[in-house]
Protein backbone atom coordinates (compact mmCIF):
# COMPACT_ATOMS: atom_id res chain seq x y z
CA MET A 1 92.58 61.07 96.33
CA ASN A 2 94.85 63.65 97.57
CA VAL A 3 94.34 66.86 95.44
CA ALA A 4 96.99 69.84 95.51
CA ILE A 5 95.32 73.04 94.36
CA PHE A 6 97.74 75.60 92.85
CA GLY A 7 95.79 79.31 92.32
CA GLY A 8 96.84 82.49 90.90
CA SER A 9 96.43 85.10 88.67
CA PHE A 10 99.15 83.49 86.25
CA ASN A 11 99.48 86.79 84.37
CA PRO A 12 101.30 85.67 83.07
CA PRO A 13 102.68 82.15 84.10
CA HIS A 14 106.41 81.99 84.69
CA VAL A 15 109.17 79.49 85.62
CA ALA A 16 108.66 79.76 89.12
CA HIS A 17 105.11 78.83 88.85
CA VAL A 18 106.28 75.99 86.80
CA LEU A 19 108.93 74.85 89.10
CA ALA A 20 106.69 75.35 92.23
CA ALA A 21 103.91 72.82 90.18
CA ALA A 22 106.86 70.27 89.48
CA LEU A 23 108.16 70.78 92.90
CA VAL A 24 104.89 69.82 94.58
CA VAL A 25 104.04 66.90 92.34
CA ALA A 26 107.69 65.42 92.74
CA THR A 27 108.00 65.93 96.58
CA GLU A 28 104.39 66.06 98.44
CA PRO A 29 101.88 63.20 98.63
CA VAL A 30 99.28 64.10 95.94
CA ASP A 31 98.16 62.23 93.33
CA ARG A 32 97.24 65.25 91.19
CA LEU A 33 97.90 68.90 91.18
CA LEU A 34 94.95 71.54 89.77
CA VAL A 35 96.36 74.92 88.61
CA VAL A 36 93.59 77.00 88.88
CA PRO A 37 93.47 80.47 87.26
CA ALA A 38 91.87 83.18 88.86
CA PHE A 39 88.85 84.37 86.78
CA ARG A 40 88.45 88.13 88.31
CA HIS A 41 91.18 89.30 90.96
CA PRO A 42 89.91 89.52 94.11
CA PHE A 43 91.85 92.71 94.93
CA ALA A 44 90.73 94.40 91.44
CA LYS A 45 93.93 93.91 89.43
CA ASP A 46 93.99 94.23 85.74
CA LEU A 47 94.48 90.87 84.28
CA ALA A 48 94.94 89.58 80.65
CA PRO A 49 91.58 87.79 79.46
CA PHE A 50 90.87 84.80 81.16
CA ASP A 51 90.99 82.34 78.28
CA ALA A 52 94.50 83.82 77.61
CA ARG A 53 95.59 82.96 80.99
CA VAL A 54 94.33 79.51 80.99
CA LYS A 55 95.58 78.74 77.58
CA MET A 56 99.19 80.24 78.67
CA CYS A 57 98.82 77.89 81.79
CA GLU A 58 98.59 74.98 79.56
CA LEU A 59 101.36 75.97 77.72
CA ALA A 60 103.43 76.37 80.98
CA MET A 61 102.29 73.57 83.00
CA GLY A 62 100.00 71.47 81.29
CA GLN A 63 102.77 69.08 80.01
CA LEU A 64 103.84 68.13 83.38
CA PRO A 65 102.79 64.61 84.76
CA GLY A 66 99.86 64.79 87.50
CA VAL A 67 98.91 68.50 86.40
CA GLU A 68 95.79 69.50 85.15
CA ILE A 69 94.71 73.23 84.18
CA SER A 70 90.99 73.85 85.78
CA ARG A 71 88.50 76.35 84.52
CA VAL A 72 86.47 76.20 87.75
CA GLU A 73 86.69 79.82 88.70
CA GLU A 74 85.11 80.76 85.47
CA ASP A 75 82.43 78.19 86.13
CA LEU A 76 81.92 79.89 89.61
CA GLY A 77 81.69 83.21 87.75
CA GLY A 78 82.69 86.77 89.26
CA GLU A 79 85.29 87.79 91.85
CA SER A 80 87.88 84.91 92.73
CA LYS A 81 88.02 83.99 95.98
CA THR A 82 90.10 81.10 97.53
CA LEU A 83 87.59 79.81 100.33
CA ARG A 84 84.74 79.83 97.74
CA THR A 85 86.58 77.75 95.23
CA LEU A 86 87.46 75.36 97.75
CA GLU A 87 84.18 74.91 98.94
CA HIS A 88 83.00 74.05 95.63
CA LEU A 89 85.56 71.61 94.92
CA ARG A 90 84.99 69.84 98.07
CA ASP A 91 81.33 69.85 97.49
CA ARG A 92 81.90 68.74 94.03
CA HIS A 93 84.36 66.08 94.96
CA PRO A 94 83.90 64.92 98.71
CA GLU A 95 86.51 61.85 98.03
CA TRP A 96 89.13 64.81 97.75
CA ARG A 97 91.51 65.62 100.49
CA MET A 98 92.90 68.93 99.55
CA ARG A 99 96.06 71.04 99.90
CA LEU A 100 96.63 74.60 99.14
CA VAL A 101 99.74 75.28 97.28
CA MET A 102 100.97 79.10 98.41
CA GLY A 103 104.36 80.84 98.17
CA GLY A 104 106.02 81.68 101.31
CA ASP A 105 105.85 85.36 100.26
CA LEU A 106 102.00 85.11 100.41
CA VAL A 107 102.13 83.69 103.74
CA GLY A 108 102.30 87.37 105.69
CA GLU A 109 99.38 88.53 103.52
CA SER A 110 97.30 85.86 104.49
CA SER A 111 95.63 88.40 106.65
CA LYS A 112 93.90 89.79 103.71
CA TRP A 113 92.50 86.71 102.55
CA HIS A 114 89.04 86.23 102.94
CA ARG A 115 88.28 83.67 106.14
CA PHE A 116 91.86 82.26 105.72
CA ASP A 117 91.22 80.05 108.72
CA GLU A 118 88.73 78.20 107.23
CA ILE A 119 90.81 77.98 104.04
CA GLN A 120 93.45 76.44 106.20
CA LYS A 121 90.77 73.75 107.52
CA ILE A 122 89.68 72.76 103.95
CA ALA A 123 93.18 72.81 102.24
CA PRO A 124 95.86 72.99 104.87
CA PRO A 125 98.79 74.84 102.83
CA ILE A 126 102.01 73.38 101.27
CA VAL A 127 104.09 76.39 101.87
CA LEU A 128 107.08 76.93 99.23
CA GLY A 129 109.71 78.96 100.02
CA ARG A 130 110.78 81.90 97.35
CA VAL A 131 114.20 83.58 97.44
CA GLY A 132 114.02 87.00 99.07
CA PHE A 133 111.16 86.10 101.37
CA GLU A 134 112.89 83.80 103.70
CA ASP A 135 111.32 85.83 106.77
CA ALA A 136 107.74 85.38 105.54
CA SER A 137 107.61 81.57 106.32
CA SER A 138 109.68 78.54 107.81
CA ALA A 139 109.61 76.99 104.40
CA THR A 140 113.46 76.68 102.85
CA ALA A 141 113.62 79.01 99.64
CA LEU A 142 113.41 76.78 96.62
CA LEU A 143 112.16 79.31 93.97
CA PRO A 144 113.42 81.79 92.18
CA ASP A 145 112.50 85.58 92.83
CA ILE A 146 110.36 85.89 89.78
CA SER A 147 106.90 88.01 89.75
CA SER A 148 104.39 88.23 86.98
CA THR A 149 104.59 92.40 87.56
CA ASP A 150 108.53 92.18 86.61
CA VAL A 151 107.78 89.99 83.87
CA ARG A 152 105.00 92.29 82.34
CA LYS A 153 107.05 95.16 82.52
CA LYS A 154 109.79 93.59 80.78
CA ILE A 155 107.18 92.53 77.99
CA SER A 156 106.11 95.91 77.73
CA ASP A 157 109.85 97.09 77.59
CA GLN A 158 110.53 94.57 74.85
CA ASN A 159 113.24 92.97 77.17
CA TRP A 160 113.18 89.53 75.10
CA THR A 161 116.88 88.63 76.11
CA ASP A 162 116.09 88.56 80.04
CA LEU A 163 112.66 86.94 79.36
CA ALA A 164 114.23 83.80 77.86
CA ARG A 165 115.28 82.83 81.42
CA LEU A 166 112.05 83.67 83.35
CA VAL A 167 108.99 82.80 81.23
CA PRO A 168 108.59 79.33 79.43
CA ARG A 169 109.30 79.40 75.31
CA PRO A 170 105.68 78.46 74.45
CA VAL A 171 104.15 81.27 76.68
CA LEU A 172 106.46 83.76 75.33
CA ALA A 173 105.69 82.99 71.76
CA PHE A 174 101.91 83.01 72.76
CA VAL A 175 102.66 86.73 74.25
CA ARG A 176 104.05 87.52 71.25
CA ALA A 177 101.28 86.29 68.74
CA GLN A 178 98.50 87.85 70.89
CA LYS A 179 99.93 91.27 71.82
CA LEU A 180 99.75 90.57 75.51
CA TYR A 181 101.06 93.02 78.06
CA GLY A 182 102.00 95.65 75.26
CA ALA A 183 104.58 92.87 73.26
CA LYS A 184 105.08 94.14 70.00
């Protein structure tokens, strides 16, 4: 079975995440895509509660055919490390042939990752180009330049008009109901 692993903070998930998941399922030879929210950020970034980020991923991407939201990093506990997660999944599912989904903007940061060379062996990357980061990879830029950092700022500023095109409606409703990221 060919399984794509799409990890991230998803703090919060936005339309570029949804488009990335749909693009991989539609164009890559994968049987399923596993969305893996980070349990604890490896660079100690402040994150919304894990359960909230899992729920937002379910609201954003859970309805896409072939996409599953995974709590594997919660099961592993502690700081999220891509290599540890991939090794765990490989050991639990030896029949899987894994690929790691990553944005072209992250290719330039791979030297900061723990043992990226080993990650590439276990799950060769599927690199998705992002507008504004054409120099970071050779992948064609198909994904819009949307960042969770910008989305959180707009939520904090109560800029709901701009957010309507950046974040799936059910995620925005959840953010507002839960008063995440300074929402009122």
